[in-house]
Amino acid sequence: MRRPWTLLAIAVAMALLLPTLARATGYAIYEQGAAALGMAGASTASVKDASAVFFNPAALARLEGTRFYVGGSALAPITSVTGVGTADGARPEYGVTEEMVKQVFFPPTIYATHRLMKGLGFGIGVNSPYGLGVEWDADEFSGRYIATKVDLQTLNGSACLAWAPNDQWSFAGGADAMFAKVLLNKRTLYSNPMLGISDLDIIETEMTSDFVPGYGWNAAVLYTPAAQWRLGAFYRSKVVVHVDDAEADFTQILTGITAVDAYVTSILPPDQPGSTVLRFPALWSAGVAFDPEPDWTVEADFLWYEWSVFTDLPINLETTPTLSSTRVEDYEDSWQVRVGAEHRRGDLAYRVGYYFDKSPAPGYAVSPLLPDADRIGVSLGVGWAFGPEKNWTLDAYGLGLFLNRRCGFTEDPYDDFQGDYETFTGMFGLGLGYRF
């Protein structure tokens, strides 16, 4: 059984080379299968390809033969922030709109499954279920003292075993190993009203880490009470990654003012080891699928993210611990509703979906670091079965993600930033499946 491991090696290489971006609630990424995303991700009860490793591992016991599924998405976010405070009391200035640097992200996914015998199957997969990509103009953005760039990448490996004691029930359990790395950039500003100096950039701070592991587990169930009905549920545990090998680098930015440059040189911290803690929430999902006709499937899912695990983001410095800081986040548990439909006609399948995603972030945690808000997603998708035995499938989806306008404000008097954030994300994804 060499092929799954070869494909997994390819997926690891792809995930290491490509950045990721959070587009679901908080910094979660639910874009893990093109067929499922055509139905806005509503697939907990009806998933029927190898992406079941993510959407519901209990379905693995019902997938015949050996299957592979590989794909990815292109995500293109557009984010802006407009000042809502007074001109002398908040950044950005009242009424001024600033845009995030435009980027495109390509989170990959790959899965392999095999049915060992009737009622027993297993699956393995590699994906990026969490991530964050934020970048603002380092020289001009008014919130650059909070963040100029944030890059959180994850690489998750899953292995699941599924068992079906009869035609109605199937159960699954498995383990997850998640590797996470982070990059945080920001500027330090200097102001001296007595000298008529305001907002000079004096220090560039960068904190980086290598991939660090954290571990979790998953469980799932699938129940078919009648031919037309399926009920599914899965649970994925939280993962906490302790990043103890980070490196904090401090670079002086010369201002051309002799007195200021001399002062900064005297206080510039040395480059030094640092640490932080990255928290990834547990996820619950329950779904019901119904086939009103043999060529139709409709499904509704309810998801619950335990985002309350994300209490803060500590930045600890080893050589100059007095410069350590903790950004309070205080996220709340949040929920999503996803609904979708699929219509099959011959070799083609047509899909449509909608979802609502409740933001877990309180107003004071909405910042240039993570401008989160409630969001609505609308998707369209198509699938094509081809090949001599129709054992190949090609899936495509497009999704428009609309984030509600959200006012963010900070409560720290030394970190005064108030603004209205607006975001739209266009997504397109492909998935290629094969079974034998």
Protein backbone atom coordinates (compact mmCIF):
# COMPACT_ATOMS: atom_id res chain seq x y z
CA MET A 1 0.00 0.00 0.00
CA ARG A 2 2.62 2.50 -1.13
CA ARG A 3 0.48 4.96 -3.01
CA PRO A 4 -1.16 6.69 0.00
CA TRP A 5 2.24 7.34 1.57
CA THR A 6 3.63 8.73 -1.69
CA LEU A 7 0.69 11.09 -2.01
CA LEU A 8 1.03 12.12 1.61
CA ALA A 9 4.68 13.01 1.03
CA ILE A 10 3.61 15.22 -1.88
CA ALA A 11 0.95 16.86 0.28
CA VAL A 12 3.47 17.60 3.02
CA ALA A 13 5.74 19.31 0.50
CA MET A 14 2.82 21.37 -0.84
CA ALA A 15 1.72 22.47 2.61
CA LEU A 16 5.24 23.51 3.56
CA LEU A 17 5.60 25.65 0.47
CA LEU A 18 2.18 27.31 0.38
CA PRO A 19 0.87 29.83 2.93
CA THR A 20 -2.57 29.48 4.42
CA LEU A 21 -5.33 31.88 5.34
CA ALA A 22 -8.18 31.69 7.78
CA ARG A 23 -11.55 32.10 6.12
CA ALA A 24 -13.93 30.29 8.45
CA THR A 25 -14.67 31.51 11.97
CA GLY A 26 -11.66 32.89 13.80
CA TYR A 27 -8.65 31.38 12.00
CA ALA A 28 -10.25 28.05 11.04
CA ILE A 29 -10.15 26.75 7.47
CA TYR A 30 -13.11 24.58 6.43
CA GLU A 31 -12.15 24.47 2.74
CA GLN A 32 -11.11 20.81 2.79
CA GLY A 33 -12.87 19.23 -0.19
CA ALA A 34 -14.18 20.67 -3.47
CA ALA A 35 -17.27 18.44 -3.66
CA ALA A 36 -18.30 19.31 -0.11
CA LEU A 37 -17.64 23.03 -0.63
CA GLY A 38 -19.97 23.06 -3.61
CA MET A 39 -22.63 22.45 -0.94
CA ALA A 40 -21.04 25.08 1.35
CA GLY A 41 -19.41 22.31 3.38
CA ALA A 42 -22.71 20.66 4.37
CA SER A 43 -21.41 17.08 4.13
CA THR A 44 -21.23 15.60 7.63
CA ALA A 45 -23.96 13.06 6.77
CA SER A 46 -23.59 12.71 3.00
CA VAL A 47 -19.85 12.78 2.19
CA LYS A 48 -19.02 9.98 -0.23
CA ASP A 49 -15.41 10.54 -1.27
CA ALA A 50 -12.07 10.27 0.53
CA SER A 51 -12.47 13.75 2.06
CA ALA A 52 -14.56 11.87 4.64
CA VAL A 53 -11.28 11.73 6.58
CA PHE A 54 -12.05 15.36 7.42
CA PHE A 55 -15.85 15.71 7.13
CA ASN A 56 -16.90 12.43 8.80
CA PRO A 57 -14.48 9.50 9.23
CA ALA A 58 -17.36 7.12 10.06
CA ALA A 59 -18.23 7.11 6.34
CA LEU A 60 -14.92 5.34 5.62
CA ALA A 61 -16.49 1.98 6.53
CA ARG A 62 -18.93 2.42 3.61
CA LEU A 63 -16.49 3.50 0.91
CA GLU A 64 -15.64 0.54 -1.29
CA GLY A 65 -12.16 -0.24 -2.58
CA THR A 66 -9.24 2.20 -2.41
CA ARG A 67 -9.77 5.91 -2.99
CA PHE A 68 -7.68 9.03 -3.32
CA TYR A 69 -8.72 12.65 -3.31
CA VAL A 70 -6.37 15.56 -3.90
CA GLY A 71 -7.14 19.22 -4.41
CA GLY A 72 -6.87 22.74 -3.17
CA SER A 73 -8.44 26.17 -3.16
CA ALA A 74 -7.46 29.66 -4.25
CA LEU A 75 -8.57 32.27 -1.70
CA ALA A 76 -8.36 35.98 -2.52
CA PRO A 77 -9.41 38.25 0.37
CA ILE A 78 -9.98 42.00 0.17
CA THR A 79 -9.96 43.78 3.55
CA SER A 80 -10.15 47.45 4.46
CA VAL A 81 -10.42 49.45 7.67
CA THR A 82 -11.94 52.92 8.06
CA GLY A 83 -11.25 55.12 11.09
CA VAL A 84 -14.23 55.75 13.36
CA GLY A 85 -12.53 57.65 16.22
CA THR A 86 -11.52 61.27 16.42
CA ALA A 87 -8.55 62.51 14.41
CA ASP A 88 -6.43 62.97 17.53
CA GLY A 89 -7.68 59.99 19.51
CA ALA A 90 -7.67 56.98 17.25
CA ARG A 91 -5.81 55.46 14.37
CA PRO A 92 -6.64 55.40 11.52
CA GLU A 93 -7.83 58.97 11.23
CA TYR A 94 -11.58 59.45 11.21
CA GLY A 95 -13.04 58.69 7.77
CA VAL A 96 -9.75 57.48 6.28
CA THR A 97 -9.85 54.04 4.62
CA GLU A 98 -6.79 51.80 4.40
CA GLU A 99 -6.56 48.48 2.56
CA MET A 100 -4.75 45.29 3.44
CA VAL A 101 -2.11 44.10 0.97
CA LYS A 102 -3.85 41.87 -1.57
CA GLN A 103 -2.76 38.24 -1.49
CA VAL A 104 -3.88 34.88 -2.88
CA PHE A 105 -3.57 31.73 -0.78
CA PHE A 106 -3.61 28.05 -1.81
CA PRO A 107 -4.31 25.64 1.07
CA PRO A 108 -3.93 22.04 -0.25
CA THR A 109 -5.72 18.86 0.79
CA ILE A 110 -5.06 15.18 0.10
CA TYR A 111 -6.71 12.00 1.39
CA ALA A 112 -6.39 8.23 0.87
CA THR A 113 -8.82 5.56 2.08
CA HIS A 114 -8.98 1.77 1.90
CA ARG A 115 -11.67 -0.75 2.76
CA LEU A 116 -9.99 -3.63 4.56
CA MET A 117 -13.09 -5.84 4.55
CA LYS A 118 -16.82 -5.35 4.67
CA GLY A 119 -17.59 -3.00 7.55
CA LEU A 120 -13.97 -2.02 8.21
CA GLY A 121 -12.07 0.82 6.57
CA PHE A 122 -9.33 3.30 7.31
CA GLY A 123 -8.17 6.65 5.98
CA ILE A 124 -5.23 9.00 6.18
CA GLY A 125 -4.97 12.63 5.16
CA VAL A 126 -2.98 15.83 5.25
CA ASN A 127 -4.57 19.29 5.31
CA SER A 128 -4.40 22.74 6.90
CA PRO A 129 -7.46 23.13 9.15
CA TYR A 130 -6.23 26.41 10.69
CA GLY A 131 -4.22 29.33 9.41
CA LEU A 132 -3.98 33.08 9.20
CA GLY A 133 -2.45 35.39 6.61
CA VAL A 134 -2.53 39.15 7.26
CA GLU A 135 -0.29 41.80 5.74
CA TRP A 136 -0.52 45.60 5.90
CA ASP A 137 1.76 48.23 4.38
CA ALA A 138 4.70 48.25 6.81
CA ASP A 139 5.59 51.89 6.07
CA GLU A 140 2.20 53.57 5.75
CA PHE A 141 -0.44 51.58 7.67
CA SER A 142 -1.61 53.49 10.74
CA GLY A 143 -1.91 50.26 12.78
CA ARG A 144 1.60 49.03 12.06
CA TYR A 145 2.49 49.22 15.77
CA ILE A 146 -0.06 46.40 16.32
CA ALA A 147 0.81 44.23 13.32
CA THR A 148 2.27 44.58 9.84
CA LYS A 149 2.29 40.89 8.99
CA VAL A 150 0.90 37.72 10.56
CA ASP A 151 1.48 34.29 9.04
CA LEU A 152 0.12 31.29 10.93
CA GLN A 153 0.56 27.98 9.12
CA THR A 154 -0.59 24.52 10.15
CA LEU A 155 0.02 21.08 8.73
CA ASN A 156 -2.29 18.40 10.11
CA GLY A 157 -1.96 14.66 9.60
CA SER A 158 -4.95 12.43 10.40
CA ALA A 159 -5.33 8.66 10.62
CA CYS A 160 -8.78 7.15 11.20
CA LEU A 161 -10.28 3.67 11.53
CA ALA A 162 -13.99 3.08 10.86
CA TRP A 163 -16.19 0.12 11.77
CA ALA A 164 -19.75 -0.65 10.64
CA PRO A 165 -21.37 -3.42 12.73
CA ASN A 166 -24.42 -3.40 10.41
CA ASP A 167 -25.92 -1.50 7.50
CA GLN A 168 -27.33 1.23 9.73
CA TRP A 169 -24.50 2.23 12.03
CA SER A 170 -20.83 3.03 11.57
CA PHE A 171 -18.32 4.47 14.02
CA ALA A 172 -14.82 5.89 13.71
CA GLY A 173 -11.95 7.12 15.80
CA GLY A 174 -8.50 8.43 15.09
CA ALA A 175 -5.56 10.63 15.94
CA ASP A 176 -4.35 14.01 14.69
CA ALA A 177 -0.84 15.42 14.70
CA MET A 178 -0.81 19.13 13.98
CA PHE A 179 2.36 21.08 13.26
CA ALA A 180 2.17 24.86 13.54
CA LYS A 181 4.52 27.75 12.85
CA VAL A 182 4.04 31.48 13.24
CA LEU A 183 5.48 34.77 12.05
CA LEU A 184 4.58 38.11 13.70
CA ASN A 185 5.84 41.48 12.50
CA LYS A 186 5.17 44.96 13.86
CA ARG A 187 6.72 48.40 14.19
CA THR A 188 7.48 50.46 17.29
CA LEU A 189 6.54 54.13 17.05
CA TYR A 190 8.15 57.07 18.88
CA SER A 191 6.40 60.30 19.72
CA ASN A 192 7.68 63.36 21.62
CA PRO A 193 5.18 66.25 21.60
CA MET A 194 7.71 68.48 23.40
CA LEU A 195 9.96 68.29 20.33
CA GLY A 196 7.11 68.29 17.86
CA ILE A 197 7.79 64.67 16.92
CA SER A 198 4.94 62.22 16.33
CA ASP A 199 4.79 58.64 15.09
CA LEU A 200 8.34 57.96 13.98
CA ASP A 201 9.10 54.34 13.16
CA ILE A 202 12.12 53.40 15.26
CA ILE A 203 12.12 49.55 15.59
CA GLU A 204 11.07 46.67 13.36
CA THR A 205 10.19 43.56 15.41
CA GLU A 206 9.91 40.10 13.89
CA MET A 207 9.13 36.88 15.73
CA THR A 208 9.38 33.59 13.86
CA SER A 209 9.29 29.90 14.68
CA ASP A 210 9.76 26.53 13.04
CA PHE A 211 6.98 23.94 12.85
CA VAL A 212 6.12 22.67 16.35
CA PRO A 213 3.80 19.68 16.98
CA GLY A 214 0.62 19.36 18.98
CA TYR A 215 -1.65 16.33 19.23
CA GLY A 216 -5.38 15.59 19.30
CA TRP A 217 -7.97 12.97 18.48
CA ASN A 218 -11.24 12.60 16.59
CA ALA A 219 -14.40 10.49 16.71
CA ALA A 220 -17.42 10.16 14.43
CA VAL A 221 -20.70 8.32 13.90
CA LEU A 222 -23.00 7.78 10.91
CA TYR A 223 -26.56 6.40 11.14
CA THR A 224 -28.88 5.42 8.28
CA PRO A 225 -32.38 4.88 9.70
CA ALA A 226 -33.91 4.57 6.21
CA ALA A 227 -32.71 4.54 2.63
CA GLN A 228 -33.49 8.23 2.17
CA TRP A 229 -32.08 9.49 5.46
CA ARG A 230 -28.58 9.76 6.95
CA LEU A 231 -27.51 11.31 10.22
CA GLY A 232 -23.87 12.05 10.97
CA ALA A 233 -21.76 13.64 13.67
CA PHE A 234 -18.07 14.09 14.39
CA TYR A 235 -15.83 15.58 17.05
CA ARG A 236 -12.28 16.84 16.70
CA SER A 237 -10.42 17.69 19.90
CA LYS A 238 -8.61 20.92 20.68
CA VAL A 239 -4.88 21.12 20.06
CA VAL A 240 -2.52 23.37 22.03
CA VAL A 241 0.93 24.00 20.57
CA HIS A 242 3.65 25.38 22.85
CA VAL A 243 6.14 27.23 20.65
CA ASP A 244 9.33 27.33 22.73
CA ASP A 245 11.88 27.74 19.93
CA ALA A 246 10.82 31.09 18.46
CA GLU A 247 13.35 33.79 17.60
CA ALA A 248 12.67 37.49 18.22
CA ASP A 249 14.69 39.93 16.09
CA PHE A 250 14.83 43.70 16.66
CA THR A 251 16.04 46.02 13.90
CA GLN A 252 16.57 49.73 14.38
CA ILE A 253 14.98 52.06 11.83
CA LEU A 254 17.07 55.20 11.43
CA THR A 255 15.06 58.42 11.54
CA GLY A 256 17.77 60.88 10.58
CA ILE A 257 17.30 62.73 13.86
CA THR A 258 20.58 62.35 15.77
CA ALA A 259 19.11 62.55 19.26
CA VAL A 260 16.33 60.09 18.48
CA ASP A 261 18.63 57.60 16.74
CA ALA A 262 21.09 57.71 19.66
CA TYR A 263 18.24 57.10 22.11
CA VAL A 264 16.91 54.13 20.13
CA THR A 265 20.40 52.61 19.91
CA SER A 266 20.66 52.77 23.69
CA ILE A 267 17.34 50.97 24.30
CA LEU A 268 17.32 48.53 21.34
CA PRO A 269 16.76 45.01 22.70
CA PRO A 270 19.12 42.26 21.54
CA ASP A 271 17.91 39.50 19.25
CA GLN A 272 16.83 36.69 21.56
CA PRO A 273 14.82 33.47 21.99
CA GLY A 274 11.09 33.79 22.51
CA SER A 275 8.01 31.68 22.99
CA THR A 276 4.26 31.73 22.56
CA VAL A 277 1.24 29.44 22.81
CA LEU A 278 -1.02 28.65 19.84
CA ARG A 279 -4.50 27.34 20.63
CA PHE A 280 -6.76 25.51 18.18
CA PRO A 281 -10.36 24.84 19.24
CA ALA A 282 -12.32 21.62 19.44
CA LEU A 283 -15.00 21.21 16.77
CA TRP A 284 -18.39 19.47 16.96
CA SER A 285 -20.53 18.88 13.88
CA ALA A 286 -23.93 17.24 13.38
CA GLY A 287 -25.76 16.89 10.09
CA VAL A 288 -28.83 15.35 8.50
CA ALA A 289 -29.06 14.41 4.82
CA PHE A 290 -32.23 13.56 2.89
CA ASP A 291 -32.70 12.19 -0.63
CA PRO A 292 -36.16 13.34 -1.76
CA GLU A 293 -35.48 11.67 -5.13
CA PRO A 294 -32.79 9.18 -6.17
CA ASP A 295 -30.90 11.96 -7.99
CA TRP A 296 -31.21 14.61 -5.27
CA THR A 297 -29.50 15.10 -1.88
CA VAL A 298 -30.09 17.96 0.54
CA GLU A 299 -28.27 18.41 3.83
CA ALA A 300 -28.18 20.74 6.82
CA ASP A 301 -25.27 20.85 9.31
CA PHE A 302 -24.75 22.56 12.64
CA LEU A 303 -21.17 23.18 13.81
CA TRP A 304 -19.91 24.27 17.21
CA TYR A 305 -16.37 25.60 17.68
CA GLU A 306 -15.00 25.78 21.22
CA TRP A 307 -13.21 29.07 20.57
CA SER A 308 -13.16 29.93 24.27
CA VAL A 309 -9.79 28.13 24.32
CA PHE A 310 -8.31 31.19 22.57
CA THR A 311 -7.99 33.39 25.65
CA ASP A 312 -4.83 35.31 24.75
CA LEU A 313 -1.71 35.45 22.63
CA PRO A 314 1.38 35.64 24.86
CA ILE A 315 4.72 36.87 23.52
CA ASN A 316 7.46 35.87 25.97
CA LEU A 317 11.06 37.08 25.60
CA GLU A 318 13.94 35.30 27.30
CA THR A 319 16.68 37.96 27.53
CA THR A 320 14.47 40.99 28.20
CA PRO A 321 11.41 39.51 29.92
CA THR A 322 10.18 42.98 30.91
CA LEU A 323 9.32 43.50 27.22
CA SER A 324 7.11 40.40 27.13
CA SER A 325 3.45 41.04 26.41
CA THR A 326 0.09 39.31 26.28
CA ARG A 327 -2.66 40.32 23.89
CA VAL A 328 -6.05 39.50 25.44
CA GLU A 329 -8.43 37.83 22.98
CA ASP A 330 -11.19 36.28 25.15
CA TYR A 331 -12.90 34.52 22.25
CA GLU A 332 -16.30 32.93 22.87
CA ASP A 333 -17.59 29.59 21.62
CA SER A 334 -19.29 30.07 18.25
CA TRP A 335 -21.50 28.24 15.79
CA GLN A 336 -22.20 27.78 12.09
CA VAL A 337 -25.18 26.62 10.05
CA ARG A 338 -24.46 25.12 6.63
CA VAL A 339 -27.07 23.93 4.10
CA GLY A 340 -26.54 22.50 0.64
CA ALA A 341 -28.08 20.52 -2.19
CA GLU A 342 -26.80 18.26 -4.96
CA HIS A 343 -28.61 17.22 -8.15
CA ARG A 344 -27.17 14.37 -10.21
CA ARG A 345 -27.83 14.04 -13.94
CA GLY A 346 -25.88 11.35 -15.74
CA ASP A 347 -22.14 11.92 -15.27
CA LEU A 348 -22.62 15.40 -13.80
CA ALA A 349 -23.55 16.64 -10.34
CA TYR A 350 -24.71 20.22 -9.70
CA ARG A 351 -24.34 21.73 -6.24
CA VAL A 352 -25.38 24.82 -4.34
CA GLY A 353 -24.92 25.88 -0.72
CA TYR A 354 -25.23 28.61 1.89
CA TYR A 355 -23.80 29.10 5.37
CA PHE A 356 -23.81 31.53 8.25
CA ASP A 357 -20.78 31.74 10.54
CA LYS A 358 -20.98 33.51 13.90
CA SER A 359 -17.80 35.33 14.88
CA PRO A 360 -16.28 34.34 18.25
CA ALA A 361 -14.30 37.58 18.66
CA PRO A 362 -15.37 40.32 21.10
CA GLY A 363 -15.13 43.88 19.79
CA TYR A 364 -11.87 44.63 21.59
CA ALA A 365 -10.19 41.60 19.93
CA VAL A 366 -11.04 42.79 16.42
CA SER A 367 -7.80 44.41 15.29
CA PRO A 368 -5.30 44.51 12.41
CA LEU A 369 -3.94 41.27 13.88
CA LEU A 370 -7.20 39.39 13.22
CA PRO A 371 -10.14 41.42 11.83
CA ASP A 372 -12.89 38.85 12.44
CA ALA A 373 -16.65 39.28 11.90
CA ASP A 374 -19.87 37.35 11.26
CA ARG A 375 -19.89 36.03 7.72
CA ILE A 376 -22.18 34.63 5.05
CA GLY A 377 -21.04 32.25 2.33
CA VAL A 378 -22.80 31.31 -0.92
CA SER A 379 -21.41 28.53 -3.11
CA LEU A 380 -21.93 26.83 -6.46
CA GLY A 381 -20.27 23.62 -7.56
CA VAL A 382 -20.15 20.94 -10.23
CA GLY A 383 -18.82 17.40 -10.33
CA TRP A 384 -17.97 15.18 -13.30
CA ALA A 385 -17.49 11.40 -13.26
CA PHE A 386 -15.35 10.16 -16.15
CA GLY A 387 -13.12 7.33 -17.30
CA PRO A 388 -13.96 3.86 -18.70
CA GLU A 389 -15.52 2.80 -15.40
CA LYS A 390 -16.42 6.28 -14.15
CA ASN A 391 -13.78 5.81 -11.46
CA TRP A 392 -12.42 9.34 -11.85
CA THR A 393 -14.17 12.42 -10.53
CA LEU A 394 -13.36 16.08 -11.03
CA ASP A 395 -15.04 18.59 -8.72
CA ALA A 396 -15.01 22.37 -8.83
CA TYR A 397 -16.59 25.03 -6.65
CA GLY A 398 -16.81 28.78 -6.37
CA LEU A 399 -17.70 30.54 -3.14
CA GLY A 400 -18.32 34.17 -2.23
CA LEU A 401 -17.71 35.01 1.41
CA PHE A 402 -19.16 38.24 2.79
CA LEU A 403 -18.06 39.49 6.23
CA ASN A 404 -20.35 41.92 8.02
CA ARG A 405 -18.97 45.39 8.62
CA ARG A 406 -17.45 45.21 12.10
CA CYS A 407 -16.16 47.92 14.42
CA GLY A 408 -13.03 46.93 16.30
CA PHE A 409 -11.55 48.83 19.21
CA THR A 410 -8.73 48.23 21.64
CA GLU A 411 -9.05 48.85 25.36
CA ASP A 412 -5.33 49.30 26.07
CA PRO A 413 -4.60 53.06 26.34
CA TYR A 414 -1.18 52.44 24.75
CA ASP A 415 -2.75 50.54 21.89
CA ASP A 416 -5.51 52.89 20.79
CA PHE A 417 -6.95 51.73 17.48
CA GLN A 418 -10.57 52.05 16.38
CA GLY A 419 -11.88 51.20 12.97
CA ASP A 420 -14.61 49.66 10.85
CA TYR A 421 -13.43 46.53 9.02
CA GLU A 422 -14.91 45.22 5.79
CA THR A 423 -13.86 42.00 4.04
CA PHE A 424 -14.91 40.04 0.99
CA THR A 425 -13.24 36.81 -0.10
CA GLY A 426 -13.59 35.08 -3.43
CA MET A 427 -12.75 31.37 -3.47
CA PHE A 428 -12.33 28.77 -6.18
CA GLY A 429 -11.33 25.15 -5.67
CA LEU A 430 -10.70 21.89 -7.52
CA GLY A 431 -10.64 18.30 -6.37
CA LEU A 432 -9.59 15.18 -8.27
CA GLY A 433 -10.70 11.76 -7.04
CA TYR A 434 -9.84 8.22 -8.09
CA ARG A 435 -11.08 4.84 -6.89
CA PHE A 436 -10.17 1.26 -7.71
